[in-house]
Amino acid sequence: MAVCDAHLDVSKGDIVAVIGPNGAGKTTLFNLITGQLRPDRGRVLFKGEDITGLAPYRICERGICRSFQIVNVFPRLSVFENVQVAVLAHQKRALDLMKPARNQGKSETERILAGFGLLEHKDRKAGTLSHGDQKVLEMAIALGNEPDLLILDEPTAGMSPEETAHCLTLMKRLSAETGVTILFCEHDMELVFAVSTSIMVMQQGTTIIQDRPHVVRASREVQEAYLGECPNAA
């Protein structure tokens, strides 16, 4: 679905959800923000700078990092090494051949892993983790870049109820403790309304509304377009 007449405002420290029926344009919107796609019209502004159409790595350098619907980790590297790569890349540090690779960025990497509850798994191959833990690791990798804006594309997809609850707790704590702004799309309406400070609703590539959760829940247009189809939204 193409995105047309979509408007999204995200303020520092917010947790903003983008919701809508399948095919509404949510992932396309994220692709436009992060440079995977270049818009024909319109602009993407971040911290007052026009980043429209920049290469994804340039956008990452400016403080926007993203996780994807499909788990995207290095399965043959250890959990520690997955996050270490992001930490060293953000610090623009190559591995120093005069130092043991394991010790480079060690404190920063272990601090991030501890915050995500993954420190005890640091020596395991990432590919041996459960699906839920791999999704959490992907968030940890993104945080290794010290982003100002963290974009999560369906962060709880494929998770068990227990893993989903853990992810909810992590998102709240990340925002509170690090000040990172979080933008995410999600089909679990219970999670959306529990964690979001603002919700933007899309339909056919267009923004229907963006407002506080209780306003969105009460919107008749939203109920007809989306929430009425989802029993969890009641």
Protein backbone atom coordinates (compact mmCIF):
# COMPACT_ATOMS: atom_id res chain seq x y z
CA MET A 1 0.00 0.00 0.00
CA ALA A 2 1.38 3.43 -0.96
CA VAL A 3 1.50 6.13 1.69
CA CYS A 4 -0.38 9.31 0.81
CA ASP A 5 -1.34 12.20 3.08
CA ALA A 6 0.20 10.55 6.16
CA HIS A 7 1.17 12.86 9.01
CA LEU A 8 3.13 11.74 12.07
CA ASP A 9 4.48 13.82 14.96
CA VAL A 10 6.84 12.27 17.50
CA SER A 11 8.15 14.29 20.44
CA LYS A 12 11.26 13.50 22.46
CA GLY A 13 10.64 10.83 25.08
CA ASP A 14 7.30 9.71 23.62
CA ILE A 15 6.26 6.13 22.94
CA VAL A 16 4.20 6.39 19.75
CA ALA A 17 2.29 3.52 18.17
CA VAL A 18 1.22 3.37 14.52
CA ILE A 19 -1.75 1.06 14.02
CA GLY A 20 -4.10 0.16 11.20
CA PRO A 21 -5.49 -2.79 9.23
CA ASN A 22 -3.15 -5.02 7.25
CA GLY A 23 -2.03 -3.11 4.16
CA ALA A 24 -2.66 0.29 5.74
CA GLY A 25 0.89 1.44 4.94
CA LYS A 26 2.58 1.15 8.36
CA THR A 27 5.75 -0.62 7.24
CA THR A 28 5.93 1.55 4.12
CA LEU A 29 5.83 4.61 6.36
CA PHE A 30 8.71 3.24 8.42
CA ASN A 31 10.63 2.49 5.20
CA LEU A 32 10.20 6.12 4.16
CA ILE A 33 11.40 7.42 7.52
CA THR A 34 14.48 5.19 7.60
CA GLY A 35 15.52 5.62 3.98
CA GLN A 36 14.64 2.19 2.61
CA LEU A 37 12.24 4.00 0.28
CA ARG A 38 12.39 7.51 -1.18
CA PRO A 39 9.10 9.45 -1.26
CA ASP A 40 7.76 11.02 -4.45
CA ARG A 41 6.36 13.89 -2.40
CA GLY A 42 6.44 15.11 1.17
CA ARG A 43 9.25 15.43 3.69
CA VAL A 44 10.72 13.61 6.66
CA LEU A 45 12.02 16.02 9.30
CA PHE A 46 14.09 14.85 12.27
CA LYS A 47 15.31 17.26 14.94
CA GLY A 48 14.67 20.11 12.52
CA GLU A 49 16.70 18.57 9.69
CA ASP A 50 15.27 17.38 6.38
CA ILE A 51 16.40 13.74 6.07
CA THR A 52 14.11 12.86 3.18
CA GLY A 53 15.67 10.26 0.91
CA LEU A 54 18.99 9.98 2.75
CA ALA A 55 20.69 6.57 2.68
CA PRO A 56 19.72 4.34 5.63
CA TYR A 57 23.22 4.46 7.12
CA ARG A 58 23.17 8.26 7.03
CA ILE A 59 19.84 8.29 8.82
CA CYS A 60 21.23 5.87 11.41
CA GLU A 61 24.17 8.22 11.96
CA ARG A 62 21.67 10.98 12.73
CA GLY A 63 20.15 8.93 15.55
CA ILE A 64 17.36 6.77 14.07
CA CYS A 65 17.66 2.99 14.46
CA ARG A 66 15.19 0.29 13.55
CA SER A 67 14.28 -3.33 14.12
CA PHE A 68 12.28 -5.33 11.56
CA GLN A 69 9.32 -7.74 11.52
CA ILE A 70 11.66 -10.62 10.67
CA VAL A 71 14.42 -11.22 13.21
CA ASN A 72 17.65 -9.70 11.91
CA VAL A 73 20.61 -10.85 14.06
CA PHE A 74 23.93 -12.55 13.29
CA PRO A 75 22.99 -16.13 14.22
CA ARG A 76 26.55 -17.51 14.27
CA LEU A 77 27.94 -14.73 16.43
CA SER A 78 27.52 -14.78 20.18
CA VAL A 79 24.94 -12.59 21.88
CA PHE A 80 27.82 -10.45 23.18
CA GLU A 81 29.37 -10.08 19.72
CA ASN A 82 26.05 -9.04 18.15
CA VAL A 83 25.78 -6.04 20.46
CA GLN A 84 29.54 -5.37 20.51
CA VAL A 85 29.50 -4.84 16.72
CA ALA A 86 26.83 -2.14 17.08
CA VAL A 87 28.67 -0.46 19.99
CA LEU A 88 31.98 -0.29 18.13
CA ALA A 89 30.31 0.86 14.91
CA HIS A 90 28.56 3.69 16.74
CA GLN A 91 31.83 4.73 18.35
CA LYS A 92 33.48 4.56 14.90
CA ARG A 93 36.02 2.14 16.31
CA ALA A 94 37.49 -0.73 14.31
CA LEU A 95 38.82 -3.72 16.17
CA ASP A 96 42.28 -2.92 17.53
CA LEU A 97 44.59 -5.74 16.48
CA MET A 98 46.82 -4.98 19.48
CA LYS A 99 44.01 -5.70 21.96
CA PRO A 100 41.92 -8.83 22.53
CA ALA A 101 38.73 -8.35 20.51
CA ARG A 102 36.62 -9.58 23.44
CA ASN A 103 37.66 -6.64 25.61
CA GLN A 104 36.78 -3.88 23.17
CA GLY A 105 33.58 -2.10 24.09
CA LYS A 106 33.12 -4.70 26.83
CA SER A 107 31.66 -2.50 29.56
CA GLU A 108 29.21 -0.76 27.23
CA THR A 109 28.14 -4.06 25.67
CA GLU A 110 27.62 -5.82 29.00
CA ARG A 111 25.68 -2.83 30.35
CA ILE A 112 23.25 -3.04 27.43
CA LEU A 113 22.90 -6.82 27.73
CA ALA A 114 22.21 -6.51 31.46
CA GLY A 115 19.50 -3.95 30.79
CA PHE A 116 17.76 -6.36 28.43
CA GLY A 117 18.16 -9.39 30.68
CA LEU A 118 20.53 -11.07 28.22
CA LEU A 119 23.82 -10.91 30.11
CA GLU A 120 23.58 -14.53 31.27
CA HIS A 121 23.28 -15.57 27.61
CA LYS A 122 26.21 -13.47 26.36
CA ASP A 123 28.33 -16.45 25.26
CA ARG A 124 25.53 -18.28 23.44
CA LYS A 125 25.23 -18.19 19.67
CA ALA A 126 22.44 -15.79 18.83
CA GLY A 127 20.80 -18.37 16.57
CA THR A 128 20.23 -20.70 19.55
CA LEU A 129 18.08 -18.19 21.46
CA SER A 130 14.31 -18.47 21.52
CA HIS A 131 12.41 -16.35 19.03
CA GLY A 132 11.39 -13.94 21.79
CA ASP A 133 14.96 -13.54 23.05
CA GLN A 134 16.20 -12.95 19.50
CA LYS A 135 13.67 -10.11 19.13
CA VAL A 136 14.91 -8.66 22.43
CA LEU A 137 18.51 -9.03 21.22
CA GLU A 138 17.59 -7.09 18.10
CA MET A 139 16.38 -4.25 20.32
CA ALA A 140 19.65 -4.42 22.27
CA ILE A 141 21.65 -4.22 19.02
CA ALA A 142 19.69 -1.13 18.01
CA LEU A 143 20.35 0.47 21.40
CA GLY A 144 24.08 -0.15 20.90
CA ASN A 145 23.93 2.69 18.39
CA GLU A 146 22.64 5.03 21.12
CA PRO A 147 19.69 6.23 19.02
CA ASP A 148 17.51 9.22 19.77
CA LEU A 149 14.62 7.47 17.99
CA LEU A 150 14.14 3.70 18.09
CA ILE A 151 11.70 2.29 15.50
CA LEU A 152 10.28 -1.17 16.21
CA ASP A 153 8.32 -2.96 13.49
CA GLU A 154 5.96 -5.41 15.24
CA PRO A 155 8.33 -6.06 18.16
CA THR A 156 6.16 -8.81 19.68
CA ALA A 157 5.40 -10.75 16.46
CA GLY A 158 5.56 -14.47 17.18
CA MET A 159 6.07 -14.00 20.91
CA SER A 160 4.31 -15.93 23.64
CA PRO A 161 2.10 -13.98 26.09
CA GLU A 162 4.93 -14.08 28.66
CA GLU A 163 7.46 -12.78 26.12
CA THR A 164 5.04 -10.07 25.05
CA ALA A 165 4.65 -8.91 28.65
CA HIS A 166 8.44 -8.85 29.01
CA CYS A 167 8.76 -6.76 25.84
CA LEU A 168 6.15 -4.31 27.17
CA THR A 169 8.14 -3.90 30.39
CA LEU A 170 11.36 -3.38 28.43
CA MET A 171 9.86 -0.67 26.23
CA LYS A 172 8.56 1.26 29.22
CA ARG A 173 11.87 0.95 31.07
CA LEU A 174 13.93 1.91 28.04
CA SER A 175 11.95 5.09 27.59
CA ALA A 176 12.06 5.97 31.29
CA GLU A 177 15.73 5.17 31.94
CA THR A 178 17.45 6.18 28.69
CA GLY A 179 15.10 8.87 27.39
CA VAL A 180 15.02 7.20 23.98
CA THR A 181 11.96 8.00 21.87
CA ILE A 182 10.15 4.90 20.62
CA LEU A 183 8.03 4.60 17.48
CA PHE A 184 6.46 1.21 16.81
CA CYS A 185 3.72 -0.60 14.93
CA GLU A 186 1.92 -3.47 16.53
CA HIS A 187 -1.21 -5.61 16.12
CA ASP A 188 -1.56 -6.42 19.83
CA MET A 189 -4.03 -3.73 20.89
CA GLU A 190 -3.66 -4.54 24.58
CA LEU A 191 0.05 -3.75 24.34
CA VAL A 192 -0.54 -0.64 22.23
CA PHE A 193 -2.91 0.96 24.71
CA ALA A 194 -0.84 -0.12 27.72
CA VAL A 195 2.46 1.41 26.60
CA SER A 196 1.76 4.28 24.19
CA THR A 197 1.72 7.97 25.02
CA SER A 198 0.30 8.69 21.54
CA ILE A 199 -1.30 6.58 18.79
CA MET A 200 -1.46 7.30 15.07
CA VAL A 201 -4.05 5.34 13.09
CA MET A 202 -3.60 4.66 9.36
CA GLN A 203 -6.03 3.44 6.72
CA GLN A 204 -5.19 3.05 3.03
CA GLY A 205 -1.95 4.98 3.45
CA THR A 206 -3.59 7.97 5.14
CA THR A 207 -3.57 9.21 8.73
CA ILE A 208 -7.04 9.04 10.28
CA ILE A 209 -6.03 10.46 13.65
CA GLN A 210 -3.09 10.88 15.99
CA ASP A 211 -3.88 11.59 19.62
CA ARG A 212 -3.66 10.25 23.16
CA PRO A 213 -4.79 6.65 23.61
CA HIS A 214 -8.12 7.43 25.29
CA VAL A 215 -9.06 9.86 22.50
CA VAL A 216 -8.18 7.31 19.82
CA ARG A 217 -10.14 4.59 21.60
CA ALA A 218 -13.23 6.82 21.70
CA SER A 219 -13.04 7.82 18.01
CA ARG A 220 -15.97 6.40 16.04
CA GLU A 221 -14.01 6.66 12.79
CA VAL A 222 -11.19 4.58 14.28
CA GLN A 223 -13.61 2.00 15.65
CA GLU A 224 -15.23 1.62 12.24
CA ALA A 225 -11.91 1.47 10.39
CA TYR A 226 -9.96 -0.78 12.69
CA LEU A 227 -10.64 -1.21 16.39
CA GLY A 228 -14.11 -2.60 15.88
CA GLU A 229 -12.52 -5.52 14.08
CA CYS A 230 -10.28 -6.35 17.06
CA PRO A 231 -11.83 -7.77 20.25
CA ASN A 232 -8.74 -6.83 22.27
CA ALA A 233 -9.53 -3.14 21.72
CA ALA A 234 -12.72 -3.23 23.75
